[in-house]
Amino acid sequence: MKLTSSRKVVAGLASFLLLGAAHAQDFPTKPIRMIVPFPAGGGTDVTARLISVKMGETLGQPVVIENRPGANGIAGTDVAAKSPGDGYTIVMGTMGSFSINPSAYKKMPFSVARDLAPVSQIVAAPAMLVVHPSVPAKTIPELVAYSKSQPNGLTYASSGSGSGPHMMAEMFAAAAGAKVLHVPYKGSAPAYNDLLGGQVQASIDSISIGLQHVKAGKLRAIAVMGSKRSEHLPDVPTAGESIPGFSVANWYALMAPSATPLTIRKKIQAAIAGAMNDPKVRAATIEQALEPVASTPEDFGAYLVKETARWQEVVAKINLQME
């Protein structure tokens, strides 16, 4: 009996789906490459290395970290976006990589919405506002008043134009009514070096980056940016205690090429959740002042849409356009 053309299509589709299901069931059969589009030693890289070993144990194949820094995370993310959607390439990025860059850059070599698919938000990375001890302010109202008394405003350092720290600082300045002057650097490390040296006056970045300097008295914490106080700095108020409703935090997440089947992405997410539930990994994550999340692909996808819309508004307000 000959199949009609429509039946051939149905039969072919069924075979394709069965093949895909079998592929997902067998996955993985070789090492998985996790691209980190930032230099080794940074917060994203540290988080990737914290979870990769346990993920590999769960999946039965090693998860190999590959650092591909450049262009605010665009270079490495581009490599992932253009890789086969077979689950063997995933990319660890940040709020800046996935939610800010699409609005901040006039042209990108890929589209986050079109070329990448959500796997999981790994952690939330609460931020804090710190100042050099030479700045007399100790509260947000005092800092706002001080910023307005300076000819050029309060100078603040960030890890680069369009980066998460840059955008969080601009969002805070707008909400608080502060007068500020942005001084971009190529990474958080050089930004903090100049902050510690007094060349710039303030910064908003992940708590983990400045925590040791605050505890050593080399910087003063004015406020944490999240919705709750940090257990690492319980006496430091939230920004929301002075600016009702204000809350912002960086985050790290994993995505995969858009063609990667949901069944495979869920398998990877389950390995992430397993890593985050490991007592040693969880303790090490919290010690870095990071909050474990390990959300599902569906939950992270919905969160990503909201975050992207949120930062699109901020980019438009400050008229930021990156080349």
C-alpha atoms as a PDB file:
ATOM      1  CA  MET A   1       0.000   0.000   0.000  1.00  0.00           C
ATOM      2  CA  LYS A   2       1.450   3.390  -1.017  1.00  0.00           C
ATOM      3  CA  LEU A   3       1.448   6.294   1.401  1.00  0.00           C
ATOM      4  CA  THR A   4      -0.107   9.569   0.278  1.00  0.00           C
ATOM      5  CA  SER A   5       2.099  12.667   0.532  1.00  0.00           C
ATOM      6  CA  SER A   6       0.283  13.833   3.689  1.00  0.00           C
ATOM      7  CA  ARG A   7       0.741  10.434   5.293  1.00  0.00           C
ATOM      8  CA  LYS A   8       4.414  10.525   4.367  1.00  0.00           C
ATOM      9  CA  VAL A   9       4.757  13.864   6.152  1.00  0.00           C
ATOM     10  CA  VAL A  10       3.033  12.525   9.257  1.00  0.00           C
ATOM     11  CA  ALA A  11       5.151   9.366   9.206  1.00  0.00           C
ATOM     12  CA  GLY A  12       8.314  11.398   8.751  1.00  0.00           C
ATOM     13  CA  LEU A  13       7.382  13.743  11.592  1.00  0.00           C
ATOM     14  CA  ALA A  14       6.643  10.802  13.879  1.00  0.00           C
ATOM     15  CA  SER A  15      10.013   9.259  13.078  1.00  0.00           C
ATOM     16  CA  PHE A  16      11.726  12.591  13.768  1.00  0.00           C
ATOM     17  CA  LEU A  17      10.000  12.972  17.126  1.00  0.00           C
ATOM     18  CA  LEU A  18      10.821   9.418  18.134  1.00  0.00           C
ATOM     19  CA  LEU A  19      14.451   9.961  17.148  1.00  0.00           C
ATOM     20  CA  GLY A  20      14.555  13.201  19.161  1.00  0.00           C
ATOM     21  CA  ALA A  21      13.016  11.499  22.197  1.00  0.00           C
ATOM     22  CA  ALA A  22      15.555   8.689  21.974  1.00  0.00           C
ATOM     23  CA  HIS A  23      18.375  11.235  21.675  1.00  0.00           C
ATOM     24  CA  ALA A  24      17.132  13.079  24.775  1.00  0.00           C
ATOM     25  CA  GLN A  25      16.851   9.809  26.705  1.00  0.00           C
ATOM     26  CA  ASP A  26      20.459   8.881  25.899  1.00  0.00           C
ATOM     27  CA  PHE A  27      21.814  12.388  26.558  1.00  0.00           C
ATOM     28  CA  PRO A  28      24.620  12.940  27.372  1.00  0.00           C
ATOM     29  CA  THR A  29      27.061  10.542  25.745  1.00  0.00           C
ATOM     30  CA  LYS A  30      30.046  12.918  25.720  1.00  0.00           C
ATOM     31  CA  PRO A  31      31.388  15.916  27.693  1.00  0.00           C
ATOM     32  CA  ILE A  32      29.312  19.097  27.816  1.00  0.00           C
ATOM     33  CA  ARG A  33      30.922  22.459  27.094  1.00  0.00           C
ATOM     34  CA  MET A  34      29.846  25.322  29.379  1.00  0.00           C
ATOM     35  CA  ILE A  35      30.952  28.624  27.865  1.00  0.00           C
ATOM     36  CA  VAL A  36      31.622  31.442  30.335  1.00  0.00           C
ATOM     37  CA  PRO A  37      31.812  34.665  28.299  1.00  0.00           C
ATOM     38  CA  PHE A  38      33.932  36.424  30.941  1.00  0.00           C
ATOM     39  CA  PRO A  39      37.515  36.066  32.243  1.00  0.00           C
ATOM     40  CA  ALA A  40      38.453  33.338  34.717  1.00  0.00           C
ATOM     41  CA  GLY A  41      38.154  34.347  38.368  1.00  0.00           C
ATOM     42  CA  GLY A  42      35.081  36.555  38.055  1.00  0.00           C
ATOM     43  CA  GLY A  43      31.749  35.905  39.750  1.00  0.00           C
ATOM     44  CA  THR A  44      30.224  34.089  36.778  1.00  0.00           C
ATOM     45  CA  ASP A  45      33.281  31.890  36.354  1.00  0.00           C
ATOM     46  CA  VAL A  46      33.410  31.035  40.059  1.00  0.00           C
ATOM     47  CA  THR A  47      29.729  30.056  40.025  1.00  0.00           C
ATOM     48  CA  ALA A  48      30.189  27.926  36.910  1.00  0.00           C
ATOM     49  CA  ARG A  49      33.057  26.042  38.536  1.00  0.00           C
ATOM     50  CA  LEU A  50      31.091  25.602  41.768  1.00  0.00           C
ATOM     51  CA  ILE A  51      28.301  23.703  40.019  1.00  0.00           C
ATOM     52  CA  SER A  52      30.064  22.023  37.076  1.00  0.00           C
ATOM     53  CA  VAL A  53      31.608  19.085  38.965  1.00  0.00           C
ATOM     54  CA  LYS A  54      28.343  18.040  40.631  1.00  0.00           C
ATOM     55  CA  MET A  55      26.450  18.535  37.370  1.00  0.00           C
ATOM     56  CA  GLY A  56      28.903  16.190  35.688  1.00  0.00           C
ATOM     57  CA  GLU A  57      28.439  13.583  38.387  1.00  0.00           C
ATOM     58  CA  THR A  58      24.656  13.688  37.928  1.00  0.00           C
ATOM     59  CA  LEU A  59      24.789  13.613  34.135  1.00  0.00           C
ATOM     60  CA  GLY A  60      27.501  10.962  33.937  1.00  0.00           C
ATOM     61  CA  GLN A  61      29.691  13.149  31.714  1.00  0.00           C
ATOM     62  CA  PRO A  62      32.088  15.976  32.623  1.00  0.00           C
ATOM     63  CA  VAL A  63      30.968  19.592  32.252  1.00  0.00           C
ATOM     64  CA  VAL A  64      33.978  21.479  30.894  1.00  0.00           C
ATOM     65  CA  ILE A  65      34.321  25.238  31.466  1.00  0.00           C
ATOM     66  CA  GLU A  66      35.498  27.302  28.487  1.00  0.00           C
ATOM     67  CA  ASN A  67      36.209  31.006  29.102  1.00  0.00           C
ATOM     68  CA  ARG A  68      35.489  33.156  26.022  1.00  0.00           C
ATOM     69  CA  PRO A  69      35.582  36.789  27.255  1.00  0.00           C
ATOM     70  CA  GLY A  70      34.959  39.932  25.221  1.00  0.00           C
ATOM     71  CA  ALA A  71      32.446  42.691  24.439  1.00  0.00           C
ATOM     72  CA  ASN A  72      30.388  42.568  27.654  1.00  0.00           C
ATOM     73  CA  GLY A  73      29.838  38.831  27.236  1.00  0.00           C
ATOM     74  CA  ILE A  74      28.729  39.072  23.602  1.00  0.00           C
ATOM     75  CA  ALA A  75      31.729  37.245  22.075  1.00  0.00           C
ATOM     76  CA  GLY A  76      31.344  34.034  24.061  1.00  0.00           C
ATOM     77  CA  THR A  77      27.555  34.076  23.981  1.00  0.00           C
ATOM     78  CA  ASP A  78      27.711  34.376  20.193  1.00  0.00           C
ATOM     79  CA  VAL A  79      29.739  31.150  20.029  1.00  0.00           C
ATOM     80  CA  ALA A  80      27.047  29.367  22.047  1.00  0.00           C
ATOM     81  CA  ALA A  81      24.170  30.871  20.047  1.00  0.00           C
ATOM     82  CA  LYS A  82      25.678  29.522  16.822  1.00  0.00           C
ATOM     83  CA  SER A  83      26.463  26.045  18.171  1.00  0.00           C
ATOM     84  CA  PRO A  84      24.379  22.930  17.408  1.00  0.00           C
ATOM     85  CA  GLY A  85      21.251  22.579  19.546  1.00  0.00           C
ATOM     86  CA  ASP A  86      22.184  19.157  20.874  1.00  0.00           C
ATOM     87  CA  GLY A  87      22.754  20.006  24.540  1.00  0.00           C
ATOM     88  CA  TYR A  88      26.529  19.748  24.347  1.00  0.00           C
ATOM     89  CA  THR A  89      27.045  23.521  24.412  1.00  0.00           C
ATOM     90  CA  ILE A  90      25.517  25.741  27.088  1.00  0.00           C
ATOM     91  CA  VAL A  91      26.417  29.268  28.164  1.00  0.00           C
ATOM     92  CA  MET A  92      26.552  30.873  31.609  1.00  0.00           C
ATOM     93  CA  GLY A  93      25.649  34.560  31.472  1.00  0.00           C
ATOM     94  CA  THR A  94      24.397  37.403  33.601  1.00  0.00           C
ATOM     95  CA  MET A  95      21.585  39.901  33.748  1.00  0.00           C
ATOM     96  CA  GLY A  96      23.769  42.087  31.519  1.00  0.00           C
ATOM     97  CA  SER A  97      24.421  39.331  28.975  1.00  0.00           C
ATOM     98  CA  PHE A  98      20.838  38.229  28.499  1.00  0.00           C
ATOM     99  CA  SER A  99      18.610  41.166  29.530  1.00  0.00           C
ATOM    100  CA  ILE A 100      20.576  44.405  29.055  1.00  0.00           C
ATOM    101  CA  ASN A 101      22.761  43.834  25.979  1.00  0.00           C
ATOM    102  CA  PRO A 102      19.804  43.322  23.585  1.00  0.00           C
ATOM    103  CA  SER A 103      18.625  46.887  24.295  1.00  0.00           C
ATOM    104  CA  ALA A 104      21.983  48.555  24.925  1.00  0.00           C
ATOM    105  CA  TYR A 105      23.704  47.514  21.687  1.00  0.00           C
ATOM    106  CA  LYS A 106      22.614  48.856  18.311  1.00  0.00           C
ATOM    107  CA  LYS A 107      23.638  45.633  16.624  1.00  0.00           C
ATOM    108  CA  MET A 108      24.480  42.182  17.972  1.00  0.00           C
ATOM    109  CA  PRO A 109      25.642  39.115  16.001  1.00  0.00           C
ATOM    110  CA  PHE A 110      22.796  37.075  17.494  1.00  0.00           C
ATOM    111  CA  SER A 111      19.403  37.519  19.129  1.00  0.00           C
ATOM    112  CA  VAL A 112      18.940  36.305  22.686  1.00  0.00           C
ATOM    113  CA  ALA A 113      15.204  35.819  22.106  1.00  0.00           C
ATOM    114  CA  ARG A 114      15.613  34.024  18.784  1.00  0.00           C
ATOM    115  CA  ASP A 115      18.917  32.124  19.082  1.00  0.00           C
ATOM    116  CA  LEU A 116      18.987  31.042  22.732  1.00  0.00           C
ATOM    117  CA  ALA A 117      16.642  28.993  24.893  1.00  0.00           C
ATOM    118  CA  PRO A 118      16.347  29.171  28.707  1.00  0.00           C
ATOM    119  CA  VAL A 119      17.776  26.408  30.876  1.00  0.00           C
ATOM    120  CA  SER A 120      17.854  27.842  34.407  1.00  0.00           C
ATOM    121  CA  GLN A 121      18.566  30.865  36.524  1.00  0.00           C
ATOM    122  CA  ILE A 122      21.392  29.615  38.717  1.00  0.00           C
ATOM    123  CA  VAL A 123      21.655  32.262  41.425  1.00  0.00           C
ATOM    124  CA  ALA A 124      20.618  35.753  42.372  1.00  0.00           C
ATOM    125  CA  ALA A 125      23.609  38.000  43.042  1.00  0.00           C
ATOM    126  CA  PRO A 126      22.511  40.705  45.499  1.00  0.00           C
ATOM    127  CA  ALA A 127      24.321  44.010  45.084  1.00  0.00           C
ATOM    128  CA  MET A 128      25.326  46.781  47.455  1.00  0.00           C
ATOM    129  CA  LEU A 129      26.155  50.459  47.247  1.00  0.00           C
ATOM    130  CA  VAL A 130      29.594  51.217  48.664  1.00  0.00           C
ATOM    131  CA  VAL A 131      31.564  54.442  48.958  1.00  0.00           C
ATOM    132  CA  HIS A 132      35.176  55.368  49.643  1.00  0.00           C
ATOM    133  CA  PRO A 133      35.684  56.417  53.304  1.00  0.00           C
ATOM    134  CA  SER A 134      36.473  59.968  52.149  1.00  0.00           C
ATOM    135  CA  VAL A 135      32.795  60.380  51.247  1.00  0.00           C
ATOM    136  CA  PRO A 136      31.131  61.752  54.411  1.00  0.00           C
ATOM    137  CA  ALA A 137      27.670  60.276  53.773  1.00  0.00           C
ATOM    138  CA  LYS A 138      26.484  57.261  55.772  1.00  0.00           C
ATOM    139  CA  THR A 139      22.873  56.984  54.567  1.00  0.00           C
ATOM    140  CA  ILE A 140      21.107  57.271  51.222  1.00  0.00           C
ATOM    141  CA  PRO A 141      19.564  60.702  52.010  1.00  0.00           C
ATOM    142  CA  GLU A 142      22.993  61.991  53.066  1.00  0.00           C
ATOM    143  CA  LEU A 143      24.570  60.531  49.916  1.00  0.00           C
ATOM    144  CA  VAL A 144      21.960  62.147  47.661  1.00  0.00           C
ATOM    145  CA  ALA A 145      22.525  65.527  49.339  1.00  0.00           C
ATOM    146  CA  TYR A 146      26.300  65.105  49.023  1.00  0.00           C
ATOM    147  CA  SER A 147      26.018  64.186  45.319  1.00  0.00           C
ATOM    148  CA  LYS A 148      24.096  67.374  44.608  1.00  0.00           C
ATOM    149  CA  SER A 149      26.770  69.463  46.352  1.00  0.00           C
ATOM    150  CA  GLN A 150      29.505  68.215  43.995  1.00  0.00           C
ATOM    151  CA  PRO A 151      30.149  70.096  40.726  1.00  0.00           C
ATOM    152  CA  ASN A 152      30.064  66.900  38.636  1.00  0.00           C
ATOM    153  CA  GLY A 153      28.005  64.816  41.025  1.00  0.00           C
ATOM    154  CA  LEU A 154      29.071  61.620  42.780  1.00  0.00           C
ATOM    155  CA  THR A 155      31.577  59.694  40.664  1.00  0.00           C
ATOM    156  CA  TYR A 156      30.823  55.984  40.474  1.00  0.00           C
ATOM    157  CA  ALA A 157      32.765  53.108  38.934  1.00  0.00           C
ATOM    158  CA  SER A 158      31.318  50.196  36.982  1.00  0.00           C
ATOM    159  CA  SER A 159      32.657  47.148  35.178  1.00  0.00           C
ATOM    160  CA  GLY A 160      31.830  48.782  31.828  1.00  0.00           C
ATOM    161  CA  SER A 161      29.242  50.781  29.926  1.00  0.00           C
ATOM    162  CA  GLY A 162      26.050  48.776  29.621  1.00  0.00           C
ATOM    163  CA  SER A 163      27.126  46.310  32.314  1.00  0.00           C
ATOM    164  CA  GLY A 164      24.871  45.211  35.175  1.00  0.00           C
ATOM    165  CA  PRO A 165      26.641  47.456  37.725  1.00  0.00           C
ATOM    166  CA  HIS A 166      26.311  50.445  35.376  1.00  0.00           C
ATOM    167  CA  MET A 167      22.607  49.908  34.847  1.00  0.00           C
ATOM    168  CA  MET A 168      21.868  49.204  38.514  1.00  0.00           C
ATOM    169  CA  ALA A 169      23.626  52.445  39.462  1.00  0.00           C
ATOM    170  CA  GLU A 170      21.656  54.440  36.894  1.00  0.00           C
ATOM    171  CA  MET A 171      18.408  52.861  38.074  1.00  0.00           C
ATOM    172  CA  PHE A 172      19.289  53.742  41.675  1.00  0.00           C
ATOM    173  CA  ALA A 173      20.321  57.321  40.816  1.00  0.00           C
ATOM    174  CA  ALA A 174      17.025  57.911  39.010  1.00  0.00           C
ATOM    175  CA  ALA A 175      14.977  56.482  41.877  1.00  0.00           C
ATOM    176  CA  ALA A 176      16.929  58.361  44.577  1.00  0.00           C
ATOM    177  CA  GLY A 177      17.291  61.631  42.684  1.00  0.00           C
ATOM    178  CA  ALA A 178      21.083  61.552  42.984  1.00  0.00           C
ATOM    179  CA  LYS A 179      23.494  63.485  40.753  1.00  0.00           C
ATOM    180  CA  VAL A 180      26.095  61.041  39.430  1.00  0.00           C
ATOM    181  CA  LEU A 181      28.947  60.746  36.948  1.00  0.00           C
ATOM    182  CA  HIS A 182      29.681  57.319  35.441  1.00  0.00           C
ATOM    183  CA  VAL A 183      33.300  56.137  35.176  1.00  0.00           C
ATOM    184  CA  PRO A 184      33.428  52.833  33.241  1.00  0.00           C
ATOM    185  CA  TYR A 185      36.227  50.263  33.583  1.00  0.00           C
ATOM    186  CA  LYS A 186      37.054  46.989  31.855  1.00  0.00           C
ATOM    187  CA  GLY A 187      35.830  44.741  34.643  1.00  0.00           C
ATOM    188  CA  SER A 188      34.946  44.907  38.330  1.00  0.00           C
ATOM    189  CA  ALA A 189      38.534  44.325  39.515  1.00  0.00           C
ATOM    190  CA  PRO A 190      40.035  47.521  38.020  1.00  0.00           C
ATOM    191  CA  ALA A 191      36.902  49.449  39.013  1.00  0.00           C
ATOM    192  CA  TYR A 192      37.346  48.407  42.631  1.00  0.00           C
ATOM    193  CA  ASN A 193      41.082  49.135  42.535  1.00  0.00           C
ATOM    194  CA  ASP A 194      40.387  52.776  41.733  1.00  0.00           C
ATOM    195  CA  LEU A 195      37.517  52.907  44.226  1.00  0.00           C
ATOM    196  CA  LEU A 196      39.817  51.626  46.966  1.00  0.00           C
ATOM    197  CA  GLY A 197      42.404  54.201  45.898  1.00  0.00           C
ATOM    198  CA  GLY A 198      39.895  57.045  46.045  1.00  0.00           C
ATOM    199  CA  GLN A 199      40.049  57.901  42.329  1.00  0.00           C
ATOM    200  CA  VAL A 200      36.276  57.326  42.206  1.00  0.00           C
ATOM    201  CA  GLN A 201      33.801  57.686  45.055  1.00  0.00           C
ATOM    202  CA  ALA A 202      31.224  54.908  44.804  1.00  0.00           C
ATOM    203  CA  SER A 203      30.066  51.721  43.117  1.00  0.00           C
ATOM    204  CA  ILE A 204      27.095  49.350  42.991  1.00  0.00           C
ATOM    205  CA  ASP A 205      28.169  45.775  42.379  1.00  0.00           C
ATOM    206  CA  SER A 206      27.663  42.273  43.757  1.00  0.00           C
ATOM    207  CA  ILE A 207      28.050  41.994  47.527  1.00  0.00           C
ATOM    208  CA  SER A 208      30.639  39.245  47.055  1.00  0.00           C
ATOM    209  CA  ILE A 209      33.031  41.621  45.278  1.00  0.00           C
ATOM    210  CA  GLY A 210      33.147  44.309  47.977  1.00  0.00           C
ATOM    211  CA  LEU A 211      32.353  42.331  51.128  1.00  0.00           C
ATOM    212  CA  GLN A 212      35.944  41.797  52.262  1.00  0.00           C
ATOM    213  CA  HIS A 213      36.758  45.508  51.778  1.00  0.00           C
ATOM    214  CA  VAL A 214      33.712  46.589  53.790  1.00  0.00           C
ATOM    215  CA  LYS A 215      34.628  44.236  56.626  1.00  0.00           C
ATOM    216  CA  ALA A 216      38.216  45.532  56.547  1.00  0.00           C
ATOM    217  CA  GLY A 217      36.997  49.133  56.789  1.00  0.00           C
ATOM    218  CA  LYS A 218      38.426  50.091  53.388  1.00  0.00           C
ATOM    219  CA  LEU A 219      34.952  50.857  51.992  1.00  0.00           C
ATOM    220  CA  ARG A 220      31.671  51.880  53.613  1.00  0.00           C
ATOM    221  CA  ALA A 221      28.442  50.059  52.723  1.00  0.00           C
ATOM    222  CA  ILE A 222      25.533  52.479  52.404  1.00  0.00           C
ATOM    223  CA  ALA A 223      22.807  50.007  51.393  1.00  0.00           C
ATOM    224  CA  VAL A 224      22.130  46.615  49.863  1.00  0.00           C
ATOM    225  CA  MET A 225      20.049  46.745  46.691  1.00  0.00           C
ATOM    226  CA  GLY A 226      17.840  43.670  47.153  1.00  0.00           C
ATOM    227  CA  SER A 227      14.483  43.299  48.851  1.00  0.00           C
ATOM    228  CA  LYS A 228      15.980  42.014  52.113  1.00  0.00           C
ATOM    229  CA  ARG A 229      19.040  42.644  54.237  1.00  0.00           C
ATOM    230  CA  SER A 230      22.075  40.449  53.681  1.00  0.00           C
ATOM    231  CA  GLU A 231      23.026  37.916  56.335  1.00  0.00           C
ATOM    232  CA  HIS A 232      26.628  38.912  55.598  1.00  0.00           C
ATOM    233  CA  LEU A 233      25.901  42.565  56.499  1.00  0.00           C
ATOM    234  CA  PRO A 234      22.827  42.466  58.766  1.00  0.00           C
ATOM    235  CA  ASP A 235      23.283  46.050  59.984  1.00  0.00           C
ATOM    236  CA  VAL A 236      23.305  47.538  56.486  1.00  0.00           C
ATOM    237  CA  PRO A 237      19.804  48.659  55.415  1.00  0.00           C
ATOM    238  CA  THR A 238      18.191  47.910  52.070  1.00  0.00           C
ATOM    239  CA  ALA A 239      17.793  50.710  49.555  1.00  0.00           C
ATOM    240  CA  GLY A 240      14.065  50.069  49.786  1.00  0.00           C
ATOM    241  CA  GLU A 241      14.081  51.263  53.395  1.00  0.00           C
ATOM    242  CA  SER A 242      14.827  54.758  52.030  1.00  0.00           C
ATOM    243  CA  ILE A 243      13.261  54.403  48.577  1.00  0.00           C
ATOM    244  CA  PRO A 244       9.989  52.464  48.992  1.00  0.00           C
ATOM    245  CA  GLY A 245       9.590  49.679  46.451  1.00  0.00           C
ATOM    246  CA  PHE A 246      13.149  49.857  45.132  1.00  0.00           C
ATOM    247  CA  SER A 247      14.859  46.498  44.625  1.00  0.00           C
ATOM    248  CA  VAL A 248      17.380  45.276  42.074  1.00  0.00           C
ATOM    249  CA  ALA A 249      19.849  42.389  41.890  1.00  0.00           C
ATOM    250  CA  ASN A 250      22.194  40.868  39.355  1.00  0.00           C
ATOM    251  CA  TRP A 251      21.772  37.199  38.454  1.00  0.00           C
ATOM    252  CA  TYR A 252      23.589  34.378  36.671  1.00  0.00           C
ATOM    253  CA  ALA A 253      21.843  31.917  34.381  1.00  0.00           C
ATOM    254  CA  LEU A 254      22.353  29.174  31.828  1.00  0.00           C
ATOM    255  CA  MET A 255      21.015  29.156  28.282  1.00  0.00           C
ATOM    256  CA  ALA A 256      21.426  26.835  25.312  1.00  0.00           C
ATOM    257  CA  PRO A 257      21.155  27.180  21.526  1.00  0.00           C
ATOM    258  CA  SER A 258      17.498  27.653  20.607  1.00  0.00           C
ATOM    259  CA  ALA A 259      17.203  24.292  18.824  1.00  0.00           C
ATOM    260  CA  THR A 260      18.061  22.402  22.021  1.00  0.00           C
ATOM    261  CA  PRO A 261      15.015  20.237  22.923  1.00  0.00           C
ATOM    262  CA  LEU A 262      13.157  21.085  26.125  1.00  0.00           C
ATOM    263  CA  THR A 263      13.657  17.504  27.347  1.00  0.00           C
ATOM    264  CA  ILE A 264      17.433  17.976  27.215  1.00  0.00           C
ATOM    265  CA  ARG A 265      17.264  21.421  28.814  1.00  0.00           C
ATOM    266  CA  LYS A 266      15.189  19.950  31.642  1.00  0.00           C
ATOM    267  CA  LYS A 267      17.760  17.205  32.105  1.00  0.00           C
ATOM    268  CA  ILE A 268      20.508  19.819  32.437  1.00  0.00           C
ATOM    269  CA  GLN A 269      18.342  21.870  34.810  1.00  0.00           C
ATOM    270  CA  ALA A 270      17.792  18.818  37.012  1.00  0.00           C
ATOM    271  CA  ALA A 271      21.571  18.448  37.277  1.00  0.00           C
ATOM    272  CA  ILE A 272      21.829  22.123  38.242  1.00  0.00           C
ATOM    273  CA  ALA A 273      19.188  21.680  40.940  1.00  0.00           C
ATOM    274  CA  GLY A 274      21.047  18.622  42.208  1.00  0.00           C
ATOM    275  CA  ALA A 275      24.268  20.634  42.432  1.00  0.00           C
ATOM    276  CA  MET A 276      22.532  23.472  44.278  1.00  0.00           C
ATOM    277  CA  ASN A 277      21.040  21.019  46.772  1.00  0.00           C
ATOM    278  CA  ASP A 278      24.453  19.538  47.536  1.00  0.00           C
ATOM    279  CA  PRO A 279      25.367  20.815  51.042  1.00  0.00           C
ATOM    280  CA  LYS A 280      28.945  21.741  50.125  1.00  0.00           C
ATOM    281  CA  VAL A 281      28.022  23.520  46.898  1.00  0.00           C
ATOM    282  CA  ARG A 282      25.134  25.329  48.563  1.00  0.00           C
ATOM    283  CA  ALA A 283      27.329  26.453  51.472  1.00  0.00           C
ATOM    284  CA  ALA A 284      30.055  27.649  49.089  1.00  0.00           C
ATOM    285  CA  THR A 285      27.471  29.550  47.035  1.00  0.00           C
ATOM    286  CA  ILE A 286      26.027  31.298  50.076  1.00  0.00           C
ATOM    287  CA  GLU A 287      29.552  32.065  51.312  1.00  0.00           C
ATOM    288  CA  GLN A 288      30.045  33.977  48.045  1.00  0.00           C
ATOM    289  CA  ALA A 289      27.000  36.099  49.008  1.00  0.00           C
ATOM    290  CA  LEU A 290      24.974  34.477  46.221  1.00  0.00           C
ATOM    291  CA  GLU A 291      21.424  33.125  46.600  1.00  0.00           C
ATOM    292  CA  PRO A 292      20.733  29.681  45.020  1.00  0.00           C
ATOM    293  CA  VAL A 293      17.760  29.599  42.624  1.00  0.00           C
ATOM    294  CA  ALA A 294      18.008  26.733  40.071  1.00  0.00           C
ATOM    295  CA  SER A 295      14.684  27.584  38.393  1.00  0.00           C
ATOM    296  CA  THR A 296      13.052  25.508  35.639  1.00  0.00           C
ATOM    297  CA  PRO A 297      13.416  26.468  31.954  1.00  0.00           C
ATOM    298  CA  GLU A 298       9.795  27.655  31.943  1.00  0.00           C
ATOM    299  CA  ASP A 299      10.174  29.793  35.075  1.00  0.00           C
ATOM    300  CA  PHE A 300      13.455  31.295  33.939  1.00  0.00           C
ATOM    301  CA  GLY A 301      11.983  32.003  30.498  1.00  0.00           C
ATOM    302  CA  ALA A 302       9.128  33.985  32.045  1.00  0.00           C
ATOM    303  CA  TYR A 303      11.522  35.835  34.370  1.00  0.00           C
ATOM    304  CA  LEU A 304      13.823  36.669  31.456  1.00  0.00           C
ATOM    305  CA  VAL A 305      10.977  38.304  29.532  1.00  0.00           C
ATOM    306  CA  LYS A 306      10.144  40.545  32.515  1.00  0.00           C
ATOM    307  CA  GLU A 307      13.787  41.453  33.164  1.00  0.00           C
ATOM    308  CA  THR A 308      14.440  42.289  29.525  1.00  0.00           C
ATOM    309  CA  ALA A 309      11.433  44.620  29.438  1.00  0.00           C
ATOM    310  CA  ARG A 310      12.519  46.230  32.712  1.00  0.00           C
ATOM    311  CA  TRP A 311      16.027  47.032  31.476  1.00  0.00           C
ATOM    312  CA  GLN A 312      14.778  48.146  28.085  1.00  0.00           C
ATOM    313  CA  GLU A 313      13.002  50.983  29.902  1.00  0.00           C
ATOM    314  CA  VAL A 314      16.165  51.958  31.817  1.00  0.00           C
ATOM    315  CA  VAL A 315      18.286  51.907  28.631  1.00  0.00           C
ATOM    316  CA  ALA A 316      15.744  54.156  26.908  1.00  0.00           C
ATOM    317  CA  LYS A 317      15.631  56.603  29.839  1.00  0.00           C
ATOM    318  CA  ILE A 318      19.399  57.154  29.876  1.00  0.00           C
ATOM    319  CA  ASN A 319      19.610  56.999  26.061  1.00  0.00           C
ATOM    320  CA  LEU A 320      22.345  54.358  26.144  1.00  0.00           C
ATOM    321  CA  GLN A 321      23.506  53.073  22.749  1.00  0.00           C
ATOM    322  CA  MET A 322      26.560  50.820  22.559  1.00  0.00           C
ATOM    323  CA  GLU A 323      28.422  50.113  19.317  1.00  0.00           C
END
